[in-house]
């Protein structure tokens, strides 16, 4: 029988804790450590990326049409502002959608873990 654990502060042996020897062939690893789990898809982040992509593309198209004169101009300062905001909104949306697409297709080096998850 193996010795039981003793509470060092009080010196009273604890009878409900016992120890057993590990097998001699155990190297400290189990198979579940190396098994890949299914990736958790961050749906909220992918939808947010899609919304940012669509809004940014819309603003870039409107800004381009304003710049080319197909839509009546209110001023050149508005045109540049619409283009800048469109680009700033488009880029993160495109980036997250690209990662989500490559991760869904299983390309090497791309994972859903690279997309921030908003499920708190």
PDB file of N, CA and C in Angstrom:
ATOM      1  N   UNK A   1       0.858  -1.192   0.000  1.00  0.00           N
ATOM      2  CA  UNK A   1       0.000   0.000   0.000  1.00  0.00           C
ATOM      3  C   UNK A   1       0.889   1.236   0.000  1.00  0.00           C
ATOM      4  N   UNK A   2       0.492   2.217  -0.762  1.00  0.00           N
ATOM      5  CA  UNK A   2       1.249   3.464  -0.888  1.00  0.00           C
ATOM      6  C   UNK A   2       0.893   4.382   0.274  1.00  0.00           C
ATOM      7  N   UNK A   3       1.834   5.227   0.684  1.00  0.00           N
ATOM      8  CA  UNK A   3       1.540   6.145   1.782  1.00  0.00           C
ATOM      9  C   UNK A   3       0.514   7.179   1.370  1.00  0.00           C
ATOM     10  N   UNK A   4      -0.267   7.642   2.299  1.00  0.00           N
ATOM     11  CA  UNK A   4      -1.275   8.658   2.012  1.00  0.00           C
ATOM     12  C   UNK A   4      -0.670  10.040   2.212  1.00  0.00           C
ATOM     13  N   UNK A   5      -1.338  11.025   1.693  1.00  0.00           N
ATOM     14  CA  UNK A   5      -0.871  12.399   1.758  1.00  0.00           C
ATOM     15  C   UNK A   5      -1.065  12.947   3.173  1.00  0.00           C
ATOM     16  N   UNK A   6      -0.127  13.783   3.614  1.00  0.00           N
ATOM     17  CA  UNK A   6      -0.216  14.382   4.931  1.00  0.00           C
ATOM     18  C   UNK A   6      -0.308  15.891   4.776  1.00  0.00           C
ATOM     19  N   UNK A   7      -1.212  16.507   5.508  1.00  0.00           N
ATOM     20  CA  UNK A   7      -1.328  17.952   5.511  1.00  0.00           C
ATOM     21  C   UNK A   7      -0.154  18.498   6.309  1.00  0.00           C
ATOM     22  N   UNK A   8       0.750  19.241   5.659  1.00  0.00           N
ATOM     23  CA  UNK A   8       1.961  19.707   6.310  1.00  0.00           C
ATOM     24  C   UNK A   8       1.685  20.754   7.371  1.00  0.00           C
ATOM     25  N   UNK A   9       0.640  21.543   7.211  1.00  0.00           N
ATOM     26  CA  UNK A   9       0.362  22.608   8.178  1.00  0.00           C
ATOM     27  C   UNK A   9      -0.089  22.034   9.513  1.00  0.00           C
ATOM     28  N   UNK A  10      -0.908  20.994   9.477  1.00  0.00           N
ATOM     29  CA  UNK A  10      -1.445  20.456  10.731  1.00  0.00           C
ATOM     30  C   UNK A  10      -0.805  19.123  11.097  1.00  0.00           C
ATOM     31  N   UNK A  11      -0.171  18.454  10.157  1.00  0.00           N
ATOM     32  CA  UNK A  11       0.441  17.155  10.446  1.00  0.00           C
ATOM     33  C   UNK A  11      -0.555  16.024  10.485  1.00  0.00           C
ATOM     34  N   UNK A  12      -1.788  16.273  10.085  1.00  0.00           N
ATOM     35  CA  UNK A  12      -2.832  15.254  10.116  1.00  0.00           C
ATOM     36  C   UNK A  12      -2.856  14.551   8.764  1.00  0.00           C
ATOM     37  N   UNK A  13      -2.768  13.218   8.746  1.00  0.00           N
ATOM     38  CA  UNK A  13      -2.811  12.521   7.464  1.00  0.00           C
ATOM     39  C   UNK A  13      -4.196  12.609   6.831  1.00  0.00           C
ATOM     40  N   UNK A  14      -4.213  12.782   5.530  1.00  0.00           N
ATOM     41  CA  UNK A  14      -5.462  12.830   4.789  1.00  0.00           C
ATOM     42  C   UNK A  14      -5.704  11.443   4.203  1.00  0.00           C
ATOM     43  N   UNK A  15      -6.773  10.799   4.593  1.00  0.00           N
ATOM     44  CA  UNK A  15      -7.013   9.420   4.200  1.00  0.00           C
ATOM     45  C   UNK A  15      -7.685   9.288   2.831  1.00  0.00           C
ATOM     46  N   UNK A  16      -8.170  10.380   2.263  1.00  0.00           N
ATOM     47  CA  UNK A  16      -8.900  10.256   1.009  1.00  0.00           C
ATOM     48  C   UNK A  16      -8.007  10.440  -0.227  1.00  0.00           C
ATOM     49  N   UNK A  17      -6.718  10.692  -0.070  1.00  0.00           N
ATOM     50  CA  UNK A  17      -5.807  10.857  -1.192  1.00  0.00           C
ATOM     51  C   UNK A  17      -4.791   9.724  -1.160  1.00  0.00           C
ATOM     52  N   UNK A  18      -4.719   8.980  -2.256  1.00  0.00           N
ATOM     53  CA  UNK A  18      -3.722   7.914  -2.356  1.00  0.00           C
ATOM     54  C   UNK A  18      -2.954   8.081  -3.654  1.00  0.00           C
ATOM     55  N   UNK A  19      -1.769   7.520  -3.693  1.00  0.00           N
ATOM     56  CA  UNK A  19      -0.911   7.610  -4.851  1.00  0.00           C
ATOM     57  C   UNK A  19      -0.749   6.233  -5.462  1.00  0.00           C
ATOM     58  N   UNK A  20      -0.526   6.194  -6.758  1.00  0.00           N
ATOM     59  CA  UNK A  20      -0.245   4.929  -7.428  1.00  0.00           C
ATOM     60  C   UNK A  20       0.914   5.140  -8.383  1.00  0.00           C
ATOM     61  N   UNK A  21       1.638   4.079  -8.675  1.00  0.00           N
ATOM     62  CA  UNK A  21       2.794   4.169  -9.569  1.00  0.00           C
ATOM     63  C   UNK A  21       2.331   4.213 -11.024  1.00  0.00           C
ATOM     64  N   UNK A  22       3.078   4.964 -11.821  1.00  0.00           N
ATOM     65  CA  UNK A  22       2.832   5.002 -13.250  1.00  0.00           C
ATOM     66  C   UNK A  22       3.459   3.779 -13.888  1.00  0.00           C
ATOM     67  N   UNK A  23       2.938   3.376 -15.011  1.00  0.00           N
ATOM     68  CA  UNK A  23       3.517   2.228 -15.686  1.00  0.00           C
ATOM     69  C   UNK A  23       4.897   2.595 -16.229  1.00  0.00           C
ATOM     70  N   UNK A  24       5.741   1.605 -16.383  1.00  0.00           N
ATOM     71  CA  UNK A  24       7.103   1.836 -16.842  1.00  0.00           C
ATOM     72  C   UNK A  24       7.179   2.244 -18.293  1.00  0.00           C
ATOM     73  N   UNK A  25       6.151   1.979 -19.087  1.00  0.00           N
ATOM     74  CA  UNK A  25       6.178   2.318 -20.510  1.00  0.00           C
ATOM     75  C   UNK A  25       5.598   3.701 -20.781  1.00  0.00           C
ATOM     76  N   UNK A  26       5.060   4.359 -19.791  1.00  0.00           N
ATOM     77  CA  UNK A  26       4.454   5.675 -19.977  1.00  0.00           C
ATOM     78  C   UNK A  26       5.559   6.718 -20.123  1.00  0.00           C
ATOM     79  N   UNK A  27       5.550   7.453 -21.235  1.00  0.00           N
ATOM     80  CA  UNK A  27       6.551   8.486 -21.438  1.00  0.00           C
ATOM     81  C   UNK A  27       6.014   9.889 -21.141  1.00  0.00           C
ATOM     82  N   UNK A  28       4.834   9.991 -20.578  1.00  0.00           N
ATOM     83  CA  UNK A  28       4.266  11.270 -20.181  1.00  0.00           C
ATOM     84  C   UNK A  28       3.367  11.909 -21.214  1.00  0.00           C
ATOM     85  N   UNK A  29       3.150  11.250 -22.331  1.00  0.00           N
ATOM     86  CA  UNK A  29       2.317  11.801 -23.384  1.00  0.00           C
ATOM     87  C   UNK A  29       1.086  10.925 -23.590  1.00  0.00           C
ATOM     88  N   UNK A  30       0.022  11.572 -24.005  1.00  0.00           N
ATOM     89  CA  UNK A  30      -1.179  10.827 -24.378  1.00  0.00           C
ATOM     90  C   UNK A  30      -1.521  11.197 -25.819  1.00  0.00           C
ATOM     91  N   UNK A  31      -2.248  10.336 -26.484  1.00  0.00           N
ATOM     92  CA  UNK A  31      -2.554  10.550 -27.903  1.00  0.00           C
ATOM     93  C   UNK A  31      -3.417  11.783 -28.138  1.00  0.00           C
ATOM     94  N   UNK A  32      -4.269  12.150 -27.180  1.00  0.00           N
ATOM     95  CA  UNK A  32      -5.155  13.292 -27.366  1.00  0.00           C
ATOM     96  C   UNK A  32      -4.401  14.615 -27.440  1.00  0.00           C
ATOM     97  N   UNK A  33      -3.153  14.643 -26.944  1.00  0.00           N
ATOM     98  CA  UNK A  33      -2.375  15.877 -27.019  1.00  0.00           C
ATOM     99  C   UNK A  33      -2.073  16.255 -28.457  1.00  0.00           C
ATOM    100  N   UNK A  34      -1.938  15.284 -29.321  1.00  0.00           N
ATOM    101  CA  UNK A  34      -1.492  15.525 -30.678  1.00  0.00           C
ATOM    102  C   UNK A  34      -2.626  15.453 -31.697  1.00  0.00           C
ATOM    103  N   UNK A  35      -3.836  15.252 -31.237  1.00  0.00           N
ATOM    104  CA  UNK A  35      -4.979  15.174 -32.129  1.00  0.00           C
ATOM    105  C   UNK A  35      -5.504  16.586 -32.393  1.00  0.00           C
ATOM    106  N   UNK A  36      -5.676  16.909 -33.672  1.00  0.00           N
ATOM    107  CA  UNK A  36      -6.186  18.223 -34.023  1.00  0.00           C
ATOM    108  C   UNK A  36      -7.695  18.258 -33.824  1.00  0.00           C
ATOM    109  N   UNK A  37      -8.154  19.303 -33.162  1.00  0.00           N
ATOM    110  CA  UNK A  37      -9.592  19.465 -32.992  1.00  0.00           C
ATOM    111  C   UNK A  37     -10.148  20.252 -34.178  1.00  0.00           C
ATOM    112  N   UNK A  38     -11.430  20.159 -34.386  1.00  0.00           N
ATOM    113  CA  UNK A  38     -12.069  20.902 -35.470  1.00  0.00           C
ATOM    114  C   UNK A  38     -11.975  22.392 -35.181  1.00  0.00           C
ATOM    115  N   UNK A  39     -11.685  23.201 -36.194  1.00  0.00           N
ATOM    116  CA  UNK A  39     -11.547  24.639 -35.956  1.00  0.00           C
ATOM    117  C   UNK A  39     -12.886  25.282 -35.631  1.00  0.00           C
ATOM    118  N   UNK A  40     -12.827  26.239 -34.731  1.00  0.00           N
ATOM    119  CA  UNK A  40     -14.023  26.996 -34.382  1.00  0.00           C
ATOM    120  C   UNK A  40     -14.102  28.190 -35.330  1.00  0.00           C
ATOM    121  N   UNK A  41     -15.163  28.263 -36.079  1.00  0.00           N
ATOM    122  CA  UNK A  41     -15.310  29.319 -37.082  1.00  0.00           C
ATOM    123  C   UNK A  41     -15.910  30.558 -36.411  1.00  0.00           C
ATOM    124  N   UNK A  42     -15.203  31.695 -36.468  1.00  0.00           N
ATOM    125  CA  UNK A  42     -15.738  32.924 -35.857  1.00  0.00           C
ATOM    126  C   UNK A  42     -16.735  33.604 -36.803  1.00  0.00           C
ATOM    127  N   UNK A  43     -17.981  33.183 -36.731  1.00  0.00           N
ATOM    128  CA  UNK A  43     -18.994  33.670 -37.667  1.00  0.00           C
ATOM    129  C   UNK A  43     -19.209  35.175 -37.562  1.00  0.00           C
ATOM    130  N   UNK A  44     -19.211  35.704 -36.339  1.00  0.00           N
ATOM    131  CA  UNK A  44     -19.434  37.147 -36.177  1.00  0.00           C
ATOM    132  C   UNK A  44     -18.317  37.952 -36.835  1.00  0.00           C
ATOM    133  N   UNK A  45     -17.088  37.506 -36.690  1.00  0.00           N
ATOM    134  CA  UNK A  45     -15.961  38.218 -37.289  1.00  0.00           C
ATOM    135  C   UNK A  45     -15.994  38.117 -38.813  1.00  0.00           C
ATOM    136  N   UNK A  46     -16.393  36.978 -39.340  1.00  0.00           N
ATOM    137  CA  UNK A  46     -16.481  36.819 -40.800  1.00  0.00           C
ATOM    138  C   UNK A  46     -17.593  37.698 -41.362  1.00  0.00           C
ATOM    139  N   UNK A  47     -18.729  37.764 -40.674  1.00  0.00           N
ATOM    140  CA  UNK A  47     -19.826  38.628 -41.127  1.00  0.00           C
ATOM    141  C   UNK A  47     -19.412  40.098 -41.036  1.00  0.00           C
ATOM    142  N   UNK A  48     -18.709  40.471 -39.972  1.00  0.00           N
ATOM    143  CA  UNK A  48     -18.226  41.842 -39.850  1.00  0.00           C
ATOM    144  C   UNK A  48     -17.243  42.167 -40.974  1.00  0.00           C
ATOM    145  N   UNK A  49     -16.366  41.239 -41.307  1.00  0.00           N
ATOM    146  CA  UNK A  49     -15.446  41.441 -42.417  1.00  0.00           C
ATOM    147  C   UNK A  49     -16.177  41.610 -43.735  1.00  0.00           C
ATOM    148  N   UNK A  50     -17.237  40.842 -43.915  1.00  0.00           N
ATOM    149  CA  UNK A  50     -18.026  40.951 -45.144  1.00  0.00           C
ATOM    150  C   UNK A  50     -18.731  42.311 -45.220  1.00  0.00           C
ATOM    151  N   UNK A  51     -19.261  42.765 -44.100  1.00  0.00           N
ATOM    152  CA  UNK A  51     -19.935  44.070 -44.076  1.00  0.00           C
ATOM    153  C   UNK A  51     -18.933  45.184 -44.365  1.00  0.00           C
ATOM    154  N   UNK A  52     -17.754  45.124 -43.736  1.00  0.00           N
ATOM    155  CA  UNK A  52     -16.732  46.133 -43.987  1.00  0.00           C
ATOM    156  C   UNK A  52     -16.291  46.117 -45.456  1.00  0.00           C
ATOM    157  N   UNK A  53     -16.148  44.931 -46.017  1.00  0.00           N
ATOM    158  CA  UNK A  53     -15.756  44.792 -47.416  1.00  0.00           C
ATOM    159  C   UNK A  53     -16.792  45.435 -48.338  1.00  0.00           C
ATOM    160  N   UNK A  54     -18.055  45.141 -48.100  1.00  0.00           N
ATOM    161  CA  UNK A  54     -19.113  45.673 -48.970  1.00  0.00           C
ATOM    162  C   UNK A  54     -19.266  47.181 -48.831  1.00  0.00           C
ATOM    163  N   UNK A  55     -19.218  47.695 -47.599  1.00  0.00           N
ATOM    164  CA  UNK A  55     -19.327  49.147 -47.405  1.00  0.00           C
ATOM    165  C   UNK A  55     -18.135  49.849 -48.037  1.00  0.00           C
ATOM    166  N   UNK A  56     -16.937  49.295 -47.826  1.00  0.00           N
ATOM    167  CA  UNK A  56     -15.744  49.902 -48.415  1.00  0.00           C
ATOM    168  C   UNK A  56     -15.777  49.883 -49.929  1.00  0.00           C
ATOM    169  N   UNK A  57     -16.210  48.776 -50.527  1.00  0.00           N
ATOM    170  CA  UNK A  57     -16.300  48.701 -51.988  1.00  0.00           C
ATOM    171  C   UNK A  57     -17.324  49.709 -52.509  1.00  0.00           C
ATOM    172  N   UNK A  58     -18.440  49.831 -51.812  1.00  0.00           N
ATOM    173  CA  UNK A  58     -19.469  50.798 -52.207  1.00  0.00           C
ATOM    174  C   UNK A  58     -18.912  52.227 -52.159  1.00  0.00           C
ATOM    175  N   UNK A  59     -18.209  52.570 -51.068  1.00  0.00           N
ATOM    176  CA  UNK A  59     -17.660  53.926 -50.947  1.00  0.00           C
ATOM    177  C   UNK A  59     -16.564  54.191 -51.981  1.00  0.00           C
ATOM    178  N   UNK A  60     -15.765  53.190 -52.310  1.00  0.00           N
ATOM    179  CA  UNK A  60     -14.742  53.370 -53.337  1.00  0.00           C
ATOM    180  C   UNK A  60     -15.387  53.595 -54.705  1.00  0.00           C
ATOM    181  N   UNK A  61     -16.436  52.860 -54.997  1.00  0.00           N
ATOM    182  CA  UNK A  61     -17.135  53.037 -56.276  1.00  0.00           C
ATOM    183  C   UNK A  61     -17.773  54.429 -56.349  1.00  0.00           C
ATOM    184  N   UNK A  62     -18.434  54.836 -55.276  1.00  0.00           N
ATOM    185  CA  UNK A  62     -19.059  56.173 -55.258  1.00  0.00           C
ATOM    186  C   UNK A  62     -17.986  57.251 -55.372  1.00  0.00           C
ATOM    187  N   UNK A  63     -16.888  57.096 -54.635  1.00  0.00           N
ATOM    188  CA  UNK A  63     -15.803  58.082 -54.718  1.00  0.00           C
ATOM    189  C   UNK A  63     -15.191  58.154 -56.099  1.00  0.00           C
ATOM    190  N   UNK A  64     -15.048  57.004 -56.744  1.00  0.00           N
ATOM    191  CA  UNK A  64     -14.503  56.991 -58.109  1.00  0.00           C
ATOM    192  C   UNK A  64     -15.445  57.673 -59.080  1.00  0.00           C
ATOM    193  N   UNK A  65     -16.743  57.411 -58.947  1.00  0.00           N
ATOM    194  CA  UNK A  65     -17.720  58.064 -59.823  1.00  0.00           C
ATOM    195  C   UNK A  65     -17.770  59.566 -59.581  1.00  0.00           C
ATOM    196  N   UNK A  66     -17.599  59.982 -58.322  1.00  0.00           N
ATOM    197  CA  UNK A  66     -17.533  61.414 -58.022  1.00  0.00           C
ATOM    198  C   UNK A  66     -16.290  62.041 -58.634  1.00  0.00           C
ATOM    199  N   UNK A  67     -15.172  61.323 -58.540  1.00  0.00           N
ATOM    200  CA  UNK A  67     -13.906  61.843 -59.060  1.00  0.00           C
ATOM    201  C   UNK A  67     -13.939  61.962 -60.580  1.00  0.00           C
ATOM    202  N   UNK A  68     -14.561  61.004 -61.245  1.00  0.00           N
ATOM    203  CA  UNK A  68     -14.627  61.024 -62.706  1.00  0.00           C
ATOM    204  C   UNK A  68     -15.721  61.943 -63.244  1.00  0.00           C
ATOM    205  N   UNK A  69     -16.609  62.411 -62.378  1.00  0.00           N
ATOM    206  CA  UNK A  69     -17.636  63.352 -62.803  1.00  0.00           C
ATOM    207  C   UNK A  69     -18.927  62.723 -63.263  1.00  0.00           C
ATOM    208  N   UNK A  70     -19.109  61.422 -63.100  1.00  0.00           N
ATOM    209  CA  UNK A  70     -20.365  60.774 -63.479  1.00  0.00           C
ATOM    210  C   UNK A  70     -21.494  61.100 -62.507  1.00  0.00           C
ATOM    211  N   UNK A  71     -21.124  61.440 -61.283  1.00  0.00           N
ATOM    212  CA  UNK A  71     -22.101  61.901 -60.293  1.00  0.00           C
ATOM    213  C   UNK A  71     -21.778  63.368 -60.050  1.00  0.00           C
ATOM    214  N   UNK A  72     -22.835  64.189 -59.930  1.00  0.00           N
ATOM    215  CA  UNK A  72     -22.599  65.629 -59.769  1.00  0.00           C
ATOM    216  C   UNK A  72     -21.746  65.897 -58.536  1.00  0.00           C
ATOM    217  N   UNK A  73     -20.753  66.724 -58.712  1.00  0.00           N
ATOM    218  CA  UNK A  73     -19.800  67.016 -57.651  1.00  0.00           C
ATOM    219  C   UNK A  73     -20.361  68.037 -56.676  1.00  0.00           C
ATOM    220  N   UNK A  74     -20.048  67.811 -55.421  1.00  0.00           N
ATOM    221  CA  UNK A  74     -20.340  68.808 -54.405  1.00  0.00           C
ATOM    222  C   UNK A  74     -19.065  69.525 -54.031  1.00  0.00           C
ATOM    223  N   UNK A  75     -17.944  68.954 -54.427  1.00  0.00           N
ATOM    224  CA  UNK A  75     -16.636  69.527 -54.131  1.00  0.00           C
ATOM    225  C   UNK A  75     -15.588  68.431 -54.152  1.00  0.00           C
ATOM    226  N   UNK A  76     -14.372  68.829 -54.454  1.00  0.00           N
ATOM    227  CA  UNK A  76     -13.275  67.850 -54.537  1.00  0.00           C
ATOM    228  C   UNK A  76     -12.898  67.311 -53.164  1.00  0.00           C
ATOM    229  N   UNK A  77     -13.116  68.113 -52.127  1.00  0.00           N
ATOM    230  CA  UNK A  77     -12.774  67.654 -50.781  1.00  0.00           C
ATOM    231  C   UNK A  77     -13.658  66.483 -50.342  1.00  0.00           C
ATOM    232  N   UNK A  78     -14.905  66.472 -50.765  1.00  0.00           N
ATOM    233  CA  UNK A  78     -15.794  65.348 -50.436  1.00  0.00           C
ATOM    234  C   UNK A  78     -15.374  64.080 -51.176  1.00  0.00           C
ATOM    235  N   UNK A  79     -14.946  64.237 -52.411  1.00  0.00           N
ATOM    236  CA  UNK A  79     -14.544  63.091 -53.215  1.00  0.00           C
ATOM    237  C   UNK A  79     -13.355  62.378 -52.587  1.00  0.00           C
ATOM    238  N   UNK A  80     -12.354  63.134 -52.198  1.00  0.00           N
ATOM    239  CA  UNK A  80     -11.157  62.551 -51.591  1.00  0.00           C
ATOM    240  C   UNK A  80     -11.508  61.907 -50.254  1.00  0.00           C
ATOM    241  N   UNK A  81     -12.361  62.548 -49.484  1.00  0.00           N
ATOM    242  CA  UNK A  81     -12.754  62.000 -48.188  1.00  0.00           C
ATOM    243  C   UNK A  81     -13.512  60.681 -48.350  1.00  0.00           C
ATOM    244  N   UNK A  82     -14.409  60.613 -49.324  1.00  0.00           N
ATOM    245  CA  UNK A  82     -15.159  59.374 -49.565  1.00  0.00           C
ATOM    246  C   UNK A  82     -14.209  58.259 -49.993  1.00  0.00           C
ATOM    247  N   UNK A  83     -13.233  58.574 -50.847  1.00  0.00           N
ATOM    248  CA  UNK A  83     -12.257  57.566 -51.277  1.00  0.00           C
ATOM    249  C   UNK A  83     -11.390  57.082 -50.115  1.00  0.00           C
ATOM    250  N   UNK A  84     -10.924  57.998 -49.282  1.00  0.00           N
ATOM    251  CA  UNK A  84     -10.071  57.613 -48.151  1.00  0.00           C
ATOM    252  C   UNK A  84     -10.838  56.743 -47.165  1.00  0.00           C
ATOM    253  N   UNK A  85     -12.055  57.136 -46.830  1.00  0.00           N
ATOM    254  CA  UNK A  85     -12.861  56.327 -45.898  1.00  0.00           C
ATOM    255  C   UNK A  85     -13.184  54.972 -46.518  1.00  0.00           C
ATOM    256  N   UNK A  86     -13.483  54.953 -47.809  1.00  0.00           N
ATOM    257  CA  UNK A  86     -13.750  53.687 -48.484  1.00  0.00           C
ATOM    258  C   UNK A  86     -12.566  52.748 -48.442  1.00  0.00           C
ATOM    259  N   UNK A  87     -11.374  53.273 -48.666  1.00  0.00           N
ATOM    260  CA  UNK A  87     -10.166  52.430 -48.616  1.00  0.00           C
ATOM    261  C   UNK A  87      -9.903  51.946 -47.202  1.00  0.00           C
ATOM    262  N   UNK A  88     -10.079  52.818 -46.215  1.00  0.00           N
ATOM    263  CA  UNK A  88      -9.840  52.431 -44.819  1.00  0.00           C
ATOM    264  C   UNK A  88     -10.840  51.386 -44.319  1.00  0.00           C
ATOM    265  N   UNK A  89     -12.024  51.372 -44.864  1.00  0.00           N
ATOM    266  CA  UNK A  89     -13.020  50.377 -44.481  1.00  0.00           C
ATOM    267  C   UNK A  89     -12.852  49.093 -45.295  1.00  0.00           C
ATOM    268  N   UNK A  90     -12.465  49.240 -46.553  1.00  0.00           N
ATOM    269  CA  UNK A  90     -12.319  48.093 -47.453  1.00  0.00           C
ATOM    270  C   UNK A  90     -11.165  47.167 -47.046  1.00  0.00           C
ATOM    271  N   UNK A  91     -10.034  47.725 -46.676  1.00  0.00           N
ATOM    272  CA  UNK A  91      -8.835  46.924 -46.421  1.00  0.00           C
ATOM    273  C   UNK A  91      -8.993  45.893 -45.289  1.00  0.00           C
ATOM    274  N   UNK A  92      -9.487  46.269 -44.107  1.00  0.00           N
ATOM    275  CA  UNK A  92      -9.651  45.227 -43.077  1.00  0.00           C
ATOM    276  C   UNK A  92     -10.696  44.180 -43.444  1.00  0.00           C
ATOM    277  N   UNK A  93     -11.744  44.602 -44.131  1.00  0.00           N
ATOM    278  CA  UNK A  93     -12.753  43.639 -44.569  1.00  0.00           C
ATOM    279  C   UNK A  93     -12.186  42.644 -45.560  1.00  0.00           C
ATOM    280  N   UNK A  94     -11.417  43.131 -46.523  1.00  0.00           N
ATOM    281  CA  UNK A  94     -10.789  42.258 -47.504  1.00  0.00           C
ATOM    282  C   UNK A  94      -9.801  41.312 -46.840  1.00  0.00           C
ATOM    283  N   UNK A  95      -9.022  41.823 -45.889  1.00  0.00           N
ATOM    284  CA  UNK A  95      -8.025  41.016 -45.189  1.00  0.00           C
ATOM    285  C   UNK A  95      -8.682  39.851 -44.440  1.00  0.00           C
ATOM    286  N   UNK A  96      -9.738  40.134 -43.692  1.00  0.00           N
ATOM    287  CA  UNK A  96     -10.399  39.083 -42.917  1.00  0.00           C
ATOM    288  C   UNK A  96     -11.144  38.098 -43.817  1.00  0.00           C
ATOM    289  N   UNK A  97     -11.741  38.575 -44.881  1.00  0.00           N
ATOM    290  CA  UNK A  97     -12.413  37.667 -45.808  1.00  0.00           C
ATOM    291  C   UNK A  97     -11.416  36.762 -46.524  1.00  0.00           C
ATOM    292  N   UNK A  98     -10.252  37.297 -46.851  1.00  0.00           N
ATOM    293  CA  UNK A  98      -9.220  36.487 -47.509  1.00  0.00           C
ATOM    294  C   UNK A  98      -8.739  35.376 -46.582  1.00  0.00           C
ATOM    295  N   UNK A  99      -8.502  35.704 -45.316  1.00  0.00           N
ATOM    296  CA  UNK A  99      -8.077  34.681 -44.354  1.00  0.00           C
ATOM    297  C   UNK A  99      -9.170  33.639 -44.174  1.00  0.00           C
ATOM    298  N   UNK A 100     -10.423  34.066 -44.064  1.00  0.00           N
ATOM    299  CA  UNK A 100     -11.532  33.131 -43.886  1.00  0.00           C
ATOM    300  C   UNK A 100     -11.680  32.222 -45.105  1.00  0.00           C
ATOM    301  N   UNK A 101     -11.514  32.774 -46.293  1.00  0.00           N
ATOM    302  CA  UNK A 101     -11.628  31.968 -47.511  1.00  0.00           C
ATOM    303  C   UNK A 101     -10.516  30.929 -47.579  1.00  0.00           C
ATOM    304  N   UNK A 102      -9.280  31.358 -47.364  1.00  0.00           N
ATOM    305  CA  UNK A 102      -8.157  30.419 -47.433  1.00  0.00           C
ATOM    306  C   UNK A 102      -8.229  29.372 -46.332  1.00  0.00           C
ATOM    307  N   UNK A 103      -8.713  29.757 -45.142  1.00  0.00           N
ATOM    308  CA  UNK A 103      -8.857  28.782 -44.063  1.00  0.00           C
ATOM    309  C   UNK A 103      -9.957  27.776 -44.381  1.00  0.00           C
ATOM    310  N   UNK A 104     -11.032  28.229 -45.025  1.00  0.00           N
ATOM    311  CA  UNK A 104     -12.114  27.301 -45.372  1.00  0.00           C
ATOM    312  C   UNK A 104     -11.682  26.325 -46.453  1.00  0.00           C
ATOM    313  N   UNK A 105     -10.793  26.757 -47.346  1.00  0.00           N
ATOM    314  CA  UNK A 105     -10.285  25.879 -48.399  1.00  0.00           C
ATOM    315  C   UNK A 105      -9.144  24.994 -47.913  1.00  0.00           C
ATOM    316  N   UNK A 106      -8.624  25.264 -46.713  1.00  0.00           N
ATOM    317  CA  UNK A 106      -7.586  24.426 -46.132  1.00  0.00           C
ATOM    318  C   UNK A 106      -6.179  24.728 -46.604  1.00  0.00           C
ATOM    319  N   UNK A 107      -5.928  25.942 -47.087  1.00  0.00           N
ATOM    320  CA  UNK A 107      -4.582  26.301 -47.508  1.00  0.00           C
ATOM    321  C   UNK A 107      -3.632  26.292 -46.313  1.00  0.00           C
ATOM    322  N   UNK A 108      -2.425  25.868 -46.570  1.00  0.00           N
ATOM    323  CA  UNK A 108      -1.423  25.772 -45.517  1.00  0.00           C
ATOM    324  C   UNK A 108      -1.037  27.175 -45.038  1.00  0.00           C
ATOM    325  N   UNK A 109      -0.964  27.335 -43.728  1.00  0.00           N
ATOM    326  CA  UNK A 109      -0.585  28.614 -43.147  1.00  0.00           C
ATOM    327  C   UNK A 109      -1.746  29.527 -42.820  1.00  0.00           C
ATOM    328  N   UNK A 110      -2.952  29.134 -43.166  1.00  0.00           N
ATOM    329  CA  UNK A 110      -4.132  29.945 -42.882  1.00  0.00           C
ATOM    330  C   UNK A 110      -5.044  29.187 -41.928  1.00  0.00           C
ATOM    331  N   UNK A 111      -5.525  29.878 -40.918  1.00  0.00           N
ATOM    332  CA  UNK A 111      -6.365  29.254 -39.909  1.00  0.00           C
ATOM    333  C   UNK A 111      -7.414  30.255 -39.439  1.00  0.00           C
ATOM    334  N   UNK A 112      -8.508  29.732 -38.951  1.00  0.00           N
ATOM    335  CA  UNK A 112      -9.533  30.600 -38.375  1.00  0.00           C
ATOM    336  C   UNK A 112      -9.031  31.261 -37.094  1.00  0.00           C
ATOM    337  N   UNK A 113      -7.970  30.736 -36.499  1.00  0.00           N
ATOM    338  CA  UNK A 113      -7.407  31.347 -35.300  1.00  0.00           C
ATOM    339  C   UNK A 113      -6.761  32.686 -35.601  1.00  0.00           C
ATOM    340  N   UNK A 114      -6.479  32.981 -36.878  1.00  0.00           N
ATOM    341  CA  UNK A 114      -5.879  34.254 -37.254  1.00  0.00           C
ATOM    342  C   UNK A 114      -6.910  35.382 -37.283  1.00  0.00           C
ATOM    343  N   UNK A 115      -8.168  35.048 -37.240  1.00  0.00           N
ATOM    344  CA  UNK A 115      -9.242  36.044 -37.231  1.00  0.00           C
ATOM    345  C   UNK A 115      -9.663  36.283 -35.793  1.00  0.00           C
ATOM    346  N   UNK A 116      -9.697  37.533 -35.336  1.00  0.00           N
ATOM    347  CA  UNK A 116     -10.115  37.784 -33.949  1.00  0.00           C
ATOM    348  C   UNK A 116     -11.562  37.375 -33.739  1.00  0.00           C
ATOM    349  N   UNK A 117     -11.813  36.744 -32.598  1.00  0.00           N
ATOM    350  CA  UNK A 117     -13.144  36.250 -32.282  1.00  0.00           C
ATOM    351  C   UNK A 117     -13.832  37.232 -31.341  1.00  0.00           C
ATOM    352  N   UNK A 118     -15.060  37.607 -31.652  1.00  0.00           N
ATOM    353  CA  UNK A 118     -15.785  38.577 -30.852  1.00  0.00           C
ATOM    354  C   UNK A 118     -16.767  37.930 -29.891  1.00  0.00           C
ATOM    355  N   UNK A 119     -16.706  36.614 -29.728  1.00  0.00           N
ATOM    356  CA  UNK A 119     -17.583  35.913 -28.790  1.00  0.00           C
ATOM    357  C   UNK A 119     -16.971  35.977 -27.403  1.00  0.00           C
ATOM    358  N   UNK A 120     -17.398  36.934 -26.610  1.00  0.00           N
ATOM    359  CA  UNK A 120     -16.840  37.083 -25.243  1.00  0.00           C
ATOM    360  C   UNK A 120     -17.685  36.367 -24.232  1.00  0.00           C
TER     361      UNK A 120
END
